[in-house]
Amino acid sequence: MKIPGIVIVLLTVGALSAVAQESPGEQIKYGAKKTGEAIKDTAKAVGRTTKSTAKTVGRKTKEAWRETKAKAREVTEERQ
């Protein structure tokens, strides 16, 4: 009685492991999908950071221009 039970268990485990394994093509497809999602998420993060940085640079440039222009006026008025 023990031997047929053991054989049935071994066959069941073997069949389940064979069904559970994905083919190499499926594994590659899954890996490519995950990689694509990671690249997409990273690109979005980089885009947000770049946009934020561009706004900051624009704002700081405008401030520097205004300060330079005001300083130039002061110097011009002092010389006259």
PDB file of N, CA and C in Angstrom:
ATOM      1  N   MET A   1       0.804  -1.192   0.000  1.00  0.00           N
ATOM      2  CA  MET A   1       0.000   0.000   0.000  1.00  0.00           C
ATOM      3  C   MET A   1       0.845   1.254   0.000  1.00  0.00           C
ATOM      4  N   LYS A   2       1.994   1.219   0.640  1.00  0.00           N
ATOM      5  CA  LYS A   2       2.808   2.412   0.714  1.00  0.00           C
ATOM      6  C   LYS A   2       3.435   2.754  -0.629  1.00  0.00           C
ATOM      7  N   ILE A   3       3.838   1.774  -1.373  1.00  0.00           N
ATOM      8  CA  ILE A   3       4.530   2.032  -2.645  1.00  0.00           C
ATOM      9  C   ILE A   3       3.598   2.694  -3.656  1.00  0.00           C
ATOM     10  N   PRO A   4       2.368   2.226  -3.890  1.00  0.00           N
ATOM     11  CA  PRO A   4       1.504   2.932  -4.842  1.00  0.00           C
ATOM     12  C   PRO A   4       1.209   4.363  -4.396  1.00  0.00           C
ATOM     13  N   GLY A   5       1.083   4.599  -3.090  1.00  0.00           N
ATOM     14  CA  GLY A   5       0.841   5.956  -2.591  1.00  0.00           C
ATOM     15  C   GLY A   5       2.022   6.867  -2.869  1.00  0.00           C
ATOM     16  N   ILE A   6       3.216   6.336  -2.665  1.00  0.00           N
ATOM     17  CA  ILE A   6       4.428   7.114  -2.917  1.00  0.00           C
ATOM     18  C   ILE A   6       4.548   7.424  -4.407  1.00  0.00           C
ATOM     19  N   VAL A   7       4.250   6.446  -5.247  1.00  0.00           N
ATOM     20  CA  VAL A   7       4.321   6.639  -6.701  1.00  0.00           C
ATOM     21  C   VAL A   7       3.322   7.707  -7.138  1.00  0.00           C
ATOM     22  N   ILE A   8       2.122   7.684  -6.595  1.00  0.00           N
ATOM     23  CA  ILE A   8       1.105   8.678  -6.953  1.00  0.00           C
ATOM     24  C   ILE A   8       1.559  10.075  -6.512  1.00  0.00           C
ATOM     25  N   VAL A   9       2.109  10.181  -5.316  1.00  0.00           N
ATOM     26  CA  VAL A   9       2.596  11.474  -4.828  1.00  0.00           C
ATOM     27  C   VAL A   9       3.714  11.981  -5.717  1.00  0.00           C
ATOM     28  N   LEU A  10       4.662  11.126  -6.047  1.00  0.00           N
ATOM     29  CA  LEU A  10       5.781  11.552  -6.900  1.00  0.00           C
ATOM     30  C   LEU A  10       5.304  11.990  -8.287  1.00  0.00           C
ATOM     31  N   LEU A  11       4.362  11.242  -8.866  1.00  0.00           N
ATOM     32  CA  LEU A  11       3.831  11.613 -10.179  1.00  0.00           C
ATOM     33  C   LEU A  11       3.080  12.951 -10.106  1.00  0.00           C
ATOM     34  N   THR A  12       2.325  13.155  -9.034  1.00  0.00           N
ATOM     35  CA  THR A  12       1.579  14.405  -8.871  1.00  0.00           C
ATOM     36  C   THR A  12       2.539  15.584  -8.725  1.00  0.00           C
ATOM     37  N   VAL A  13       3.560  15.419  -7.898  1.00  0.00           N
ATOM     38  CA  VAL A  13       4.543  16.483  -7.706  1.00  0.00           C
ATOM     39  C   VAL A  13       5.259  16.781  -9.027  1.00  0.00           C
ATOM     40  N   GLY A  14       5.626  15.766  -9.756  1.00  0.00           N
ATOM     41  CA  GLY A  14       6.297  15.948 -11.053  1.00  0.00           C
ATOM     42  C   GLY A  14       5.411  16.664 -12.048  1.00  0.00           C
ATOM     43  N   ALA A  15       4.146  16.283 -12.090  1.00  0.00           N
ATOM     44  CA  ALA A  15       3.213  16.925 -13.024  1.00  0.00           C
ATOM     45  C   ALA A  15       2.987  18.381 -12.651  1.00  0.00           C
ATOM     46  N   LEU A  16       2.822  18.661 -11.375  1.00  0.00           N
ATOM     47  CA  LEU A  16       2.598  20.039 -10.936  1.00  0.00           C
ATOM     48  C   LEU A  16       3.816  20.919 -11.197  1.00  0.00           C
ATOM     49  N   SER A  17       5.003  20.385 -10.972  1.00  0.00           N
ATOM     50  CA  SER A  17       6.202  21.192 -11.214  1.00  0.00           C
ATOM     51  C   SER A  17       6.393  21.442 -12.706  1.00  0.00           C
ATOM     52  N   ALA A  18       6.017  20.491 -13.537  1.00  0.00           N
ATOM     53  CA  ALA A  18       6.133  20.681 -14.985  1.00  0.00           C
ATOM     54  C   ALA A  18       5.149  21.740 -15.468  1.00  0.00           C
ATOM     55  N   VAL A  19       3.947  21.759 -14.910  1.00  0.00           N
ATOM     56  CA  VAL A  19       2.943  22.747 -15.300  1.00  0.00           C
ATOM     57  C   VAL A  19       3.332  24.124 -14.767  1.00  0.00           C
ATOM     58  N   ALA A  20       3.909  24.173 -13.569  1.00  0.00           N
ATOM     59  CA  ALA A  20       4.239  25.445 -12.935  1.00  0.00           C
ATOM     60  C   ALA A  20       5.408  26.148 -13.620  1.00  0.00           C
ATOM     61  N   GLN A  21       6.279  25.402 -14.273  1.00  0.00           N
ATOM     62  CA  GLN A  21       7.428  26.011 -14.933  1.00  0.00           C
ATOM     63  C   GLN A  21       6.991  26.712 -16.203  1.00  0.00           C
ATOM     64  N   GLU A  22       7.543  27.904 -16.381  1.00  0.00           N
ATOM     65  CA  GLU A  22       7.254  28.644 -17.600  1.00  0.00           C
ATOM     66  C   GLU A  22       8.319  28.324 -18.632  1.00  0.00           C
ATOM     67  N   SER A  23       7.943  28.431 -19.878  1.00  0.00           N
ATOM     68  CA  SER A  23       8.913  28.200 -20.930  1.00  0.00           C
ATOM     69  C   SER A  23       9.895  29.371 -20.954  1.00  0.00           C
ATOM     70  N   PRO A  24      11.074  29.191 -21.510  1.00  0.00           N
ATOM     71  CA  PRO A  24      12.034  30.285 -21.586  1.00  0.00           C
ATOM     72  C   PRO A  24      11.470  31.499 -22.326  1.00  0.00           C
ATOM     73  N   GLY A  25      10.655  31.246 -23.330  1.00  0.00           N
ATOM     74  CA  GLY A  25      10.035  32.352 -24.069  1.00  0.00           C
ATOM     75  C   GLY A  25       9.116  33.171 -23.179  1.00  0.00           C
ATOM     76  N   GLU A  26       8.350  32.506 -22.343  1.00  0.00           N
ATOM     77  CA  GLU A  26       7.453  33.190 -21.418  1.00  0.00           C
ATOM     78  C   GLU A  26       8.246  33.965 -20.370  1.00  0.00           C
ATOM     79  N   GLN A  27       9.337  33.370 -19.907  1.00  0.00           N
ATOM     80  CA  GLN A  27      10.182  34.048 -18.925  1.00  0.00           C
ATOM     81  C   GLN A  27      10.790  35.320 -19.525  1.00  0.00           C
ATOM     82  N   ILE A  28      11.243  35.230 -20.765  1.00  0.00           N
ATOM     83  CA  ILE A  28      11.817  36.395 -21.444  1.00  0.00           C
ATOM     84  C   ILE A  28      10.747  37.459 -21.641  1.00  0.00           C
ATOM     85  N   LYS A  29       9.569  37.038 -22.047  1.00  0.00           N
ATOM     86  CA  LYS A  29       8.464  37.968 -22.259  1.00  0.00           C
ATOM     87  C   LYS A  29       8.105  38.687 -20.954  1.00  0.00           C
ATOM     88  N   TYR A  30       8.035  37.945 -19.875  1.00  0.00           N
ATOM     89  CA  TYR A  30       7.716  38.522 -18.568  1.00  0.00           C
ATOM     90  C   TYR A  30       8.824  39.490 -18.134  1.00  0.00           C
ATOM     91  N   GLY A  31      10.070  39.072 -18.308  1.00  0.00           N
ATOM     92  CA  GLY A  31      11.205  39.924 -17.948  1.00  0.00           C
ATOM     93  C   GLY A  31      11.226  41.204 -18.773  1.00  0.00           C
ATOM     94  N   ALA A  32      10.936  41.091 -20.048  1.00  0.00           N
ATOM     95  CA  ALA A  32      10.911  42.273 -20.919  1.00  0.00           C
ATOM     96  C   ALA A  32       9.797  43.223 -20.508  1.00  0.00           C
ATOM     97  N   LYS A  33       8.665  42.666 -20.139  1.00  0.00           N
ATOM     98  CA  LYS A  33       7.540  43.505 -19.704  1.00  0.00           C
ATOM     99  C   LYS A  33       7.906  44.260 -18.430  1.00  0.00           C
ATOM    100  N   LYS A  34       8.506  43.572 -17.473  1.00  0.00           N
ATOM    101  CA  LYS A  34       8.913  44.208 -16.217  1.00  0.00           C
ATOM    102  C   LYS A  34       9.977  45.274 -16.477  1.00  0.00           C
ATOM    103  N   THR A  35      10.913  44.974 -17.354  1.00  0.00           N
ATOM    104  CA  THR A  35      11.963  45.940 -17.693  1.00  0.00           C
ATOM    105  C   THR A  35      11.356  47.166 -18.359  1.00  0.00           C
ATOM    106  N   GLY A  36      10.418  46.948 -19.268  1.00  0.00           N
ATOM    107  CA  GLY A  36       9.742  48.056 -19.935  1.00  0.00           C
ATOM    108  C   GLY A  36       9.006  48.942 -18.949  1.00  0.00           C
ATOM    109  N   GLU A  37       8.330  48.339 -17.997  1.00  0.00           N
ATOM    110  CA  GLU A  37       7.609  49.111 -16.976  1.00  0.00           C
ATOM    111  C   GLU A  37       8.588  49.922 -16.119  1.00  0.00           C
ATOM    112  N   ALA A  38       9.714  49.306 -15.774  1.00  0.00           N
ATOM    113  CA  ALA A  38      10.718  50.007 -14.958  1.00  0.00           C
ATOM    114  C   ALA A  38      11.299  51.190 -15.737  1.00  0.00           C
ATOM    115  N   ILE A  39      11.575  51.005 -17.016  1.00  0.00           N
ATOM    116  CA  ILE A  39      12.106  52.089 -17.848  1.00  0.00           C
ATOM    117  C   ILE A  39      11.087  53.207 -17.966  1.00  0.00           C
ATOM    118  N   LYS A  40       9.821  52.846 -18.139  1.00  0.00           N
ATOM    119  CA  LYS A  40       8.758  53.849 -18.258  1.00  0.00           C
ATOM    120  C   LYS A  40       8.643  54.661 -16.970  1.00  0.00           C
ATOM    121  N   ASP A  41       8.667  53.993 -15.832  1.00  0.00           N
ATOM    122  CA  ASP A  41       8.585  54.680 -14.540  1.00  0.00           C
ATOM    123  C   ASP A  41       9.784  55.606 -14.333  1.00  0.00           C
ATOM    124  N   THR A  42      10.966  55.131 -14.708  1.00  0.00           N
ATOM    125  CA  THR A  42      12.172  55.930 -14.568  1.00  0.00           C
ATOM    126  C   THR A  42      12.119  57.145 -15.484  1.00  0.00           C
ATOM    127  N   ALA A  43      11.653  56.954 -16.706  1.00  0.00           N
ATOM    128  CA  ALA A  43      11.549  58.077 -17.643  1.00  0.00           C
ATOM    129  C   ALA A  43      10.580  59.135 -17.128  1.00  0.00           C
ATOM    130  N   LYS A  44       9.485  58.699 -16.536  1.00  0.00           N
ATOM    131  CA  LYS A  44       8.534  59.659 -15.962  1.00  0.00           C
ATOM    132  C   LYS A  44       9.183  60.442 -14.824  1.00  0.00           C
ATOM    133  N   ALA A  45       9.919  59.745 -13.967  1.00  0.00           N
ATOM    134  CA  ALA A  45      10.590  60.409 -12.841  1.00  0.00           C
ATOM    135  C   ALA A  45      11.626  61.409 -13.348  1.00  0.00           C
ATOM    136  N   VAL A  46      12.379  61.017 -14.353  1.00  0.00           N
ATOM    137  CA  VAL A  46      13.381  61.919 -14.928  1.00  0.00           C
ATOM    138  C   VAL A  46      12.695  63.123 -15.559  1.00  0.00           C
ATOM    139  N   GLY A  47      11.585  62.901 -16.229  1.00  0.00           N
ATOM    140  CA  GLY A  47      10.841  64.007 -16.838  1.00  0.00           C
ATOM    141  C   GLY A  47      10.347  64.995 -15.797  1.00  0.00           C
ATOM    142  N   ARG A  48       9.807  64.482 -14.703  1.00  0.00           N
ATOM    143  CA  ARG A  48       9.334  65.372 -13.637  1.00  0.00           C
ATOM    144  C   ARG A  48      10.489  66.170 -13.046  1.00  0.00           C
ATOM    145  N   THR A  49      11.600  65.512 -12.808  1.00  0.00           N
ATOM    146  CA  THR A  49      12.763  66.187 -12.230  1.00  0.00           C
ATOM    147  C   THR A  49      13.311  67.236 -13.191  1.00  0.00           C
ATOM    148  N   THR A  50      13.387  66.898 -14.459  1.00  0.00           N
ATOM    149  CA  THR A  50      13.891  67.836 -15.461  1.00  0.00           C
ATOM    150  C   THR A  50      12.989  69.051 -15.557  1.00  0.00           C
ATOM    151  N   LYS A  51      11.692  68.829 -15.542  1.00  0.00           N
ATOM    152  CA  LYS A  51      10.738  69.937 -15.611  1.00  0.00           C
ATOM    153  C   LYS A  51      10.902  70.854 -14.403  1.00  0.00           C
ATOM    154  N   SER A  52      11.012  70.266 -13.244  1.00  0.00           N
ATOM    155  CA  SER A  52      11.188  71.046 -12.021  1.00  0.00           C
ATOM    156  C   SER A  52      12.490  71.838 -12.064  1.00  0.00           C
ATOM    157  N   THR A  53      13.551  71.206 -12.515  1.00  0.00           N
ATOM    158  CA  THR A  53      14.847  71.871 -12.609  1.00  0.00           C
ATOM    159  C   THR A  53      14.803  73.014 -13.613  1.00  0.00           C
ATOM    160  N   ALA A  54      14.151  72.792 -14.746  1.00  0.00           N
ATOM    161  CA  ALA A  54      14.044  73.848 -15.753  1.00  0.00           C
ATOM    162  C   ALA A  54      13.281  75.054 -15.213  1.00  0.00           C
ATOM    163  N   LYS A  55      12.230  74.814 -14.461  1.00  0.00           N
ATOM    164  CA  LYS A  55      11.475  75.920 -13.859  1.00  0.00           C
ATOM    165  C   LYS A  55      12.349  76.699 -12.878  1.00  0.00           C
ATOM    166  N   THR A  56      13.101  75.970 -12.066  1.00  0.00           N
ATOM    167  CA  THR A  56      13.968  76.618 -11.089  1.00  0.00           C
ATOM    168  C   THR A  56      15.045  77.447 -11.784  1.00  0.00           C
ATOM    169  N   VAL A  57      15.667  76.899 -12.810  1.00  0.00           N
ATOM    170  CA  VAL A  57      16.699  77.628 -13.549  1.00  0.00           C
ATOM    171  C   VAL A  57      16.104  78.870 -14.194  1.00  0.00           C
ATOM    172  N   GLY A  58      14.931  78.740 -14.771  1.00  0.00           N
ATOM    173  CA  GLY A  58      14.270  79.898 -15.383  1.00  0.00           C
ATOM    174  C   GLY A  58      13.976  80.986 -14.363  1.00  0.00           C
ATOM    175  N   ARG A  59      13.472  80.595 -13.231  1.00  0.00           N
ATOM    176  CA  ARG A  59      13.150  81.558 -12.180  1.00  0.00           C
ATOM    177  C   ARG A  59      14.413  82.245 -11.671  1.00  0.00           C
ATOM    178  N   LYS A  60      15.467  81.481 -11.421  1.00  0.00           N
ATOM    179  CA  LYS A  60      16.714  82.046 -10.919  1.00  0.00           C
ATOM    180  C   LYS A  60      17.367  82.955 -11.965  1.00  0.00           C
ATOM    181  N   THR A  61      17.279  82.594 -13.224  1.00  0.00           N
ATOM    182  CA  THR A  61      17.841  83.422 -14.294  1.00  0.00           C
ATOM    183  C   THR A  61      17.110  84.759 -14.362  1.00  0.00           C
ATOM    184  N   LYS A  62      15.794  84.701 -14.264  1.00  0.00           N
ATOM    185  CA  LYS A  62      14.997  85.926 -14.295  1.00  0.00           C
ATOM    186  C   LYS A  62      15.334  86.818 -13.102  1.00  0.00           C
ATOM    187  N   GLU A  63      15.482  86.222 -11.923  1.00  0.00           N
ATOM    188  CA  GLU A  63      15.858  86.993 -10.733  1.00  0.00           C
ATOM    189  C   GLU A  63      17.230  87.641 -10.902  1.00  0.00           C
ATOM    190  N   ALA A  64      18.181  86.890 -11.425  1.00  0.00           N
ATOM    191  CA  ALA A  64      19.534  87.416 -11.623  1.00  0.00           C
ATOM    192  C   ALA A  64      19.512  88.557 -12.634  1.00  0.00           C
ATOM    193  N   TRP A  65      18.729  88.419 -13.690  1.00  0.00           N
ATOM    194  CA  TRP A  65      18.631  89.470 -14.691  1.00  0.00           C
ATOM    195  C   TRP A  65      18.068  90.748 -14.078  1.00  0.00           C
ATOM    196  N   ARG A  66      17.010  90.591 -13.272  1.00  0.00           N
ATOM    197  CA  ARG A  66      16.406  91.764 -12.616  1.00  0.00           C
ATOM    198  C   ARG A  66      17.405  92.439 -11.672  1.00  0.00           C
ATOM    199  N   GLU A  67      18.121  91.631 -10.894  1.00  0.00           N
ATOM    200  CA  GLU A  67      19.104  92.193  -9.964  1.00  0.00           C
ATOM    201  C   GLU A  67      20.233  92.894 -10.714  1.00  0.00           C
ATOM    202  N   THR A  68      20.680  92.308 -11.802  1.00  0.00           N
ATOM    203  CA  THR A  68      21.746  92.908 -12.606  1.00  0.00           C
ATOM    204  C   THR A  68      21.278  94.226 -13.208  1.00  0.00           C
ATOM    205  N   LYS A  69      20.069  94.232 -13.712  1.00  0.00           N
ATOM    206  CA  LYS A  69      19.517  95.448 -14.305  1.00  0.00           C
ATOM    207  C   LYS A  69      19.378  96.551 -13.250  1.00  0.00           C
ATOM    208  N   ALA A  70      18.905  96.200 -12.052  1.00  0.00           N
ATOM    209  CA  ALA A  70      18.755  97.182 -10.978  1.00  0.00           C
ATOM    210  C   ALA A  70      20.123  97.715 -10.558  1.00  0.00           C
ATOM    211  N   LYS A  71      21.102  96.843 -10.454  1.00  0.00           N
ATOM    212  CA  LYS A  71      22.452  97.262 -10.066  1.00  0.00           C
ATOM    213  C   LYS A  71      23.044  98.186 -11.131  1.00  0.00           C
ATOM    214  N   ALA A  72      22.806  97.875 -12.393  1.00  0.00           N
ATOM    215  CA  ALA A  72      23.308  98.715 -13.483  1.00  0.00           C
ATOM    216  C   ALA A  72      22.696 100.109 -13.408  1.00  0.00           C
ATOM    217  N   ARG A  73      21.427 100.183 -13.069  1.00  0.00           N
ATOM    218  CA  ARG A  73      20.772 101.487 -12.922  1.00  0.00           C
ATOM    219  C   ARG A  73      21.402 102.284 -11.780  1.00  0.00           C
ATOM    220  N   GLU A  74      21.663 101.606 -10.661  1.00  0.00           N
ATOM    221  CA  GLU A  74      22.278 102.270  -9.515  1.00  0.00           C
ATOM    222  C   GLU A  74      23.641 102.853  -9.883  1.00  0.00           C
ATOM    223  N   VAL A  75      24.434 102.049 -10.563  1.00  0.00           N
ATOM    224  CA  VAL A  75      25.765 102.494 -10.949  1.00  0.00           C
ATOM    225  C   VAL A  75      25.675 103.670 -11.917  1.00  0.00           C
ATOM    226  N   THR A  76      24.758 103.610 -12.860  1.00  0.00           N
ATOM    227  CA  THR A  76      24.570 104.681 -13.837  1.00  0.00           C
ATOM    228  C   THR A  76      24.145 105.969 -13.139  1.00  0.00           C
ATOM    229  N   GLU A  77      23.224 105.857 -12.190  1.00  0.00           N
ATOM    230  CA  GLU A  77      22.740 107.039 -11.470  1.00  0.00           C
ATOM    231  C   GLU A  77      23.837 107.642 -10.592  1.00  0.00           C
ATOM    232  N   GLU A  78      24.684 106.814 -10.006  1.00  0.00           N
ATOM    233  CA  GLU A  78      25.772 107.305  -9.156  1.00  0.00           C
ATOM    234  C   GLU A  78      26.799 108.073  -9.974  1.00  0.00           C
ATOM    235  N   ARG A  79      27.022 107.682 -11.207  1.00  0.00           N
ATOM    236  CA  ARG A  79      28.039 108.321 -12.041  1.00  0.00           C
ATOM    237  C   ARG A  79      27.563 109.656 -12.587  1.00  0.00           C
ATOM    238  N   GLN A  80      26.279 109.859 -12.606  1.00  0.00           N
ATOM    239  CA  GLN A  80      25.774 111.113 -13.203  1.00  0.00           C
ATOM    240  C   GLN A  80      25.765 112.214 -12.235  1.00  0.00           C
TER     241      GLN A  80
END
